[in-house]
Amino acid sequence: TLDNRPFVWLLTAKFVYFIVLAFTLTTFAYFTKHVLKTSDAWLGTFLTVQSLSVIASQPVWLRVARVLGKKRGFMIAGACYGLAHLSWWFAGPDEPVALIFARAFAIGLAGGGTFLLTQAMLPDAIEYDRLRTGLRREGVFTGVFVFVEQAAGALGVAIIGLFLATMGYVAATEGRVVAQPQSAILGIYVCMAILPFALQVVAILAISRYDLTAEKLSALRAAAATEAASTGRTN
């Protein structure tokens, strides 16, 4: 798999995106309680709005991919996703409810694009491998892809736990809300806004190295068909 350069850059972008996802989903419970100072019910409502936005965004990003290409679509979605999370840096206890749900919609909309377009690029990277090598290794590439998703999620949660502990976060006992030091509040802001934005920049830089275009695949298909015709071999 490491010999397939488009796959490596796609995998890197996917890995970073799932770390960001783990960061934000884990941190938002702390952000809701200690920064926005709202009940856990708001957390569930926010995630519901975000999830519905992800679903609603799919036709939009499908259209973007067809017009601008999958790579460029991912870069646009990734930039929007990072900026939407960066906006949490300016949130506080007096945050209007409408603005909170506007963020939920924006994060879901952009996140739906990053997720859809990485999944859409995977079959292209797999086909690229087949056209180059003549081998069908769909299972290998899909297995690595899914493994990296799960590993990134687990790693993201572990990093958040260590980071917040380093920043002085005080764990609650018996369900009580514990007053957090200012350093812990800063750590929550960083995990919710700064790190997701910075990592999305990394993901965009990684996908910018993904050079597998529709034209390149078409040329490889034509070359493979010509070779097959000249040797009497069928794929």
Protein backbone atom coordinates (compact mmCIF):
# COMPACT_ATOMS: atom_id res chain seq x y z
CA THR A 1 0.00 0.00 0.00
CA LEU A 2 2.87 2.40 0.67
CA ASP A 3 3.90 2.06 -2.98
CA ASN A 4 0.56 3.60 -4.01
CA ARG A 5 1.32 7.29 -3.52
CA PRO A 6 -2.21 8.64 -4.11
CA PHE A 7 -3.48 6.15 -1.53
CA VAL A 8 -0.84 7.23 1.00
CA TRP A 9 -1.81 10.91 0.75
CA LEU A 10 -5.50 10.04 0.88
CA LEU A 11 -4.87 7.88 3.94
CA THR A 12 -2.95 10.70 5.61
CA ALA A 13 -5.82 13.14 5.06
CA LYS A 14 -8.31 10.57 6.33
CA PHE A 15 -6.20 9.87 9.42
CA VAL A 16 -5.99 13.55 10.30
CA TYR A 17 -9.71 14.09 9.71
CA PHE A 18 -10.64 11.25 12.08
CA ILE A 19 -8.30 12.60 14.76
CA VAL A 20 -10.07 15.96 14.44
CA LEU A 21 -13.42 14.17 14.67
CA ALA A 22 -12.31 12.39 17.85
CA PHE A 23 -11.01 15.67 19.30
CA THR A 24 -14.22 17.58 18.72
CA LEU A 25 -16.73 14.88 19.64
CA THR A 26 -14.85 14.17 22.86
CA THR A 27 -14.23 17.80 23.80
CA PHE A 28 -17.70 19.12 23.05
CA ALA A 29 -19.16 17.58 26.20
CA TYR A 30 -16.59 19.55 28.24
CA PHE A 31 -17.13 22.64 26.10
CA THR A 32 -20.88 22.54 26.63
CA LYS A 33 -20.57 22.17 30.39
CA HIS A 34 -17.61 24.41 31.26
CA VAL A 35 -17.54 27.03 28.50
CA LEU A 36 -21.11 27.43 27.23
CA LYS A 37 -22.41 26.44 30.68
CA THR A 38 -25.47 24.66 29.30
CA SER A 39 -27.04 21.33 30.16
CA ASP A 40 -26.22 18.02 28.49
CA ALA A 41 -29.57 18.24 26.69
CA TRP A 42 -28.05 20.93 24.46
CA LEU A 43 -25.25 18.53 23.57
CA GLY A 44 -27.72 15.97 22.23
CA THR A 45 -29.65 18.61 20.28
CA PHE A 46 -26.45 20.02 18.80
CA LEU A 47 -25.28 16.58 17.63
CA THR A 48 -28.71 15.86 16.15
CA VAL A 49 -28.62 19.06 14.11
CA GLN A 50 -25.06 18.31 13.03
CA SER A 51 -25.95 14.76 11.97
CA LEU A 52 -28.95 15.91 9.95
CA SER A 53 -26.74 18.50 8.29
CA VAL A 54 -24.26 15.79 7.29
CA ILE A 55 -27.05 13.83 5.62
CA ALA A 56 -28.50 16.87 3.88
CA SER A 57 -25.07 17.89 2.57
CA GLN A 58 -24.46 14.77 0.49
CA PRO A 59 -26.19 15.92 -2.74
CA VAL A 60 -24.38 19.26 -2.43
CA TRP A 61 -20.93 17.69 -2.24
CA LEU A 62 -21.78 15.20 -4.95
CA ARG A 63 -22.48 18.16 -7.22
CA VAL A 64 -19.27 19.90 -6.12
CA ALA A 65 -17.24 16.76 -6.88
CA ARG A 66 -18.72 16.50 -10.36
CA VAL A 67 -18.06 20.16 -11.17
CA LEU A 68 -14.74 20.84 -9.41
CA GLY A 69 -13.36 17.34 -8.83
CA LYS A 70 -13.06 15.24 -5.69
CA LYS A 71 -9.68 16.63 -4.61
CA ARG A 72 -10.68 20.27 -4.89
CA GLY A 73 -14.03 19.52 -3.27
CA PHE A 74 -12.24 17.94 -0.29
CA MET A 75 -9.99 20.98 0.07
CA ILE A 76 -13.00 23.31 0.11
CA ALA A 77 -14.85 21.11 2.61
CA GLY A 78 -11.75 20.77 4.80
CA ALA A 79 -11.20 24.52 4.88
CA CYS A 80 -14.83 25.15 5.82
CA TYR A 81 -14.67 22.43 8.49
CA GLY A 82 -11.54 23.92 10.06
CA LEU A 83 -12.90 27.47 10.01
CA ALA A 84 -16.23 26.39 11.51
CA HIS A 85 -14.42 24.81 14.45
CA LEU A 86 -12.07 27.77 14.79
CA SER A 87 -15.13 29.97 15.38
CA TRP A 88 -15.62 28.23 18.75
CA TRP A 89 -12.62 30.25 19.97
CA PHE A 90 -14.92 33.26 20.14
CA ALA A 91 -17.80 31.48 21.92
CA GLY A 92 -18.70 32.00 25.57
CA PRO A 93 -21.46 31.54 28.15
CA ASP A 94 -23.55 34.31 26.57
CA GLU A 95 -23.46 32.70 23.14
CA PRO A 96 -26.81 33.08 21.30
CA VAL A 97 -28.57 29.75 20.78
CA ALA A 98 -29.08 30.56 17.10
CA LEU A 99 -25.32 30.94 16.62
CA ILE A 100 -24.64 27.63 18.36
CA PHE A 101 -26.98 25.80 15.99
CA ALA A 102 -25.61 27.71 13.00
CA ARG A 103 -22.23 26.25 13.91
CA ALA A 104 -23.78 22.79 14.20
CA PHE A 105 -25.20 23.15 10.70
CA ALA A 106 -21.93 24.49 9.26
CA ILE A 107 -19.80 21.77 10.88
CA GLY A 108 -22.18 19.06 9.66
CA LEU A 109 -22.27 20.52 6.16
CA ALA A 110 -18.48 20.71 5.85
CA GLY A 111 -17.86 17.44 7.69
CA GLY A 112 -20.23 15.66 5.32
CA GLY A 113 -18.05 16.82 2.43
CA THR A 114 -14.76 15.70 3.94
CA PHE A 115 -16.20 12.28 4.78
CA LEU A 116 -17.95 11.72 1.45
CA LEU A 117 -15.05 12.81 -0.74
CA THR A 118 -12.39 10.72 1.01
CA GLN A 119 -14.68 7.71 0.59
CA ALA A 120 -15.20 8.62 -3.07
CA MET A 121 -11.45 8.84 -3.72
CA LEU A 122 -10.75 5.41 -2.24
CA PRO A 123 -12.10 3.39 -5.23
CA ASP A 124 -9.98 5.55 -7.56
CA ALA A 125 -6.83 4.79 -5.56
CA ILE A 126 -7.69 1.09 -5.58
CA GLU A 127 -8.26 1.12 -9.34
CA TYR A 128 -4.97 2.95 -9.80
CA ASP A 129 -3.22 0.08 -8.04
CA ARG A 130 -4.94 -2.51 -10.26
CA LEU A 131 -4.09 -0.66 -13.46
CA ARG A 132 -0.45 -0.33 -12.41
CA THR A 133 0.12 -3.83 -11.07
CA GLY A 134 -2.57 -5.98 -12.65
CA LEU A 135 -3.47 -7.25 -9.17
CA ARG A 136 -6.87 -6.99 -7.50
CA ARG A 137 -6.21 -6.01 -3.90
CA GLU A 138 -9.41 -4.22 -2.94
CA GLY A 139 -9.59 -6.05 0.39
CA VAL A 140 -6.10 -5.00 1.41
CA PHE A 141 -6.63 -1.31 0.70
CA THR A 142 -10.11 -1.22 2.23
CA GLY A 143 -8.85 -3.03 5.33
CA VAL A 144 -6.00 -0.57 5.81
CA PHE A 145 -8.39 2.35 5.25
CA VAL A 146 -10.84 1.16 7.90
CA PHE A 147 -8.07 0.27 10.33
CA VAL A 148 -6.63 3.79 10.08
CA GLU A 149 -10.09 5.28 10.74
CA GLN A 150 -10.44 3.27 13.95
CA ALA A 151 -6.85 3.86 15.05
CA ALA A 152 -7.16 7.63 14.51
CA GLY A 153 -10.35 7.74 16.56
CA ALA A 154 -8.75 5.89 19.47
CA LEU A 155 -5.57 7.96 19.27
CA GLY A 156 -7.54 11.21 19.19
CA VAL A 157 -9.42 10.37 22.38
CA ALA A 158 -6.18 9.37 24.13
CA ILE A 159 -4.45 12.61 23.11
CA ILE A 160 -7.36 14.70 24.39
CA GLY A 161 -7.28 12.95 27.75
CA LEU A 162 -3.55 13.49 28.18
CA PHE A 163 -3.68 17.08 26.97
CA LEU A 164 -6.52 18.11 29.27
CA ALA A 165 -4.86 16.41 32.22
CA THR A 166 -1.68 18.34 31.45
CA MET A 167 -3.70 21.57 31.33
CA GLY A 168 -5.02 20.91 34.82
CA TYR A 169 -8.50 19.57 34.10
CA VAL A 170 -10.17 18.31 37.29
CA ALA A 171 -12.33 15.21 36.80
CA ALA A 172 -15.83 15.32 38.27
CA THR A 173 -16.90 12.85 40.97
CA GLU A 174 -20.40 11.54 41.61
CA GLY A 175 -21.78 13.58 38.69
CA ARG A 176 -20.94 16.93 40.29
CA VAL A 177 -19.78 19.87 38.18
CA VAL A 178 -16.29 20.82 39.30
CA ALA A 179 -15.00 24.37 38.83
CA GLN A 180 -12.10 24.20 36.41
CA PRO A 181 -8.91 26.30 36.57
CA GLN A 182 -8.39 28.83 33.79
CA SER A 183 -5.67 26.65 32.29
CA ALA A 184 -8.18 23.80 31.84
CA ILE A 185 -10.70 26.14 30.19
CA LEU A 186 -7.95 27.28 27.83
CA GLY A 187 -7.15 23.64 27.08
CA ILE A 188 -10.80 22.98 26.20
CA TYR A 189 -10.80 25.96 23.83
CA VAL A 190 -7.60 24.73 22.18
CA CYS A 191 -9.00 21.22 21.69
CA MET A 192 -12.27 22.54 20.30
CA ALA A 193 -10.99 25.32 18.04
CA ILE A 194 -7.24 25.65 17.53
CA LEU A 195 -6.18 22.01 17.10
CA PRO A 196 -9.03 21.10 14.70
CA PHE A 197 -8.21 24.11 12.52
CA ALA A 198 -4.47 23.39 12.52
CA LEU A 199 -4.98 19.71 11.73
CA GLN A 200 -7.38 20.48 8.89
CA VAL A 201 -4.60 22.59 7.35
CA VAL A 202 -2.40 19.47 7.54
CA ALA A 203 -5.15 17.37 5.89
CA ILE A 204 -5.52 19.91 3.07
CA LEU A 205 -1.75 19.95 2.50
CA ALA A 206 -1.76 16.14 2.39
CA ILE A 207 -4.59 15.91 -0.13
CA SER A 208 -2.92 18.58 -2.27
CA ARG A 209 -0.29 15.91 -3.04
CA TYR A 210 -2.99 13.52 -4.27
CA ASP A 211 -2.50 13.69 -8.03
CA LEU A 212 -4.97 11.04 -9.18
CA THR A 213 -7.31 12.88 -11.55
CA ALA A 214 -10.08 11.53 -13.77
CA GLU A 215 -7.88 12.23 -16.80
CA LYS A 216 -4.97 10.26 -15.35
CA LEU A 217 -7.21 7.29 -14.60
CA SER A 218 -8.70 7.40 -18.09
CA ALA A 219 -5.21 7.37 -19.62
CA LEU A 220 -4.22 4.39 -17.46
CA ARG A 221 -7.41 2.53 -18.44
CA ALA A 222 -6.71 3.15 -22.12
CA ALA A 223 -3.11 1.95 -21.75
CA ALA A 224 -4.25 -1.17 -19.90
CA ALA A 225 -6.88 -1.91 -22.56
CA THR A 226 -4.31 -1.50 -25.33
CA GLU A 227 -1.87 -3.82 -23.57
CA ALA A 228 -4.62 -6.38 -22.97
CA ALA A 229 -5.67 -6.26 -26.63
CA SER A 230 -2.10 -6.71 -27.86
CA THR A 231 -1.43 -9.70 -25.58
CA GLY A 232 -4.88 -11.24 -25.79
CA ARG A 233 -5.24 -10.94 -22.02
CA THR A 234 -8.47 -9.89 -20.31
CA ASN A 235 -8.80 -8.20 -16.90
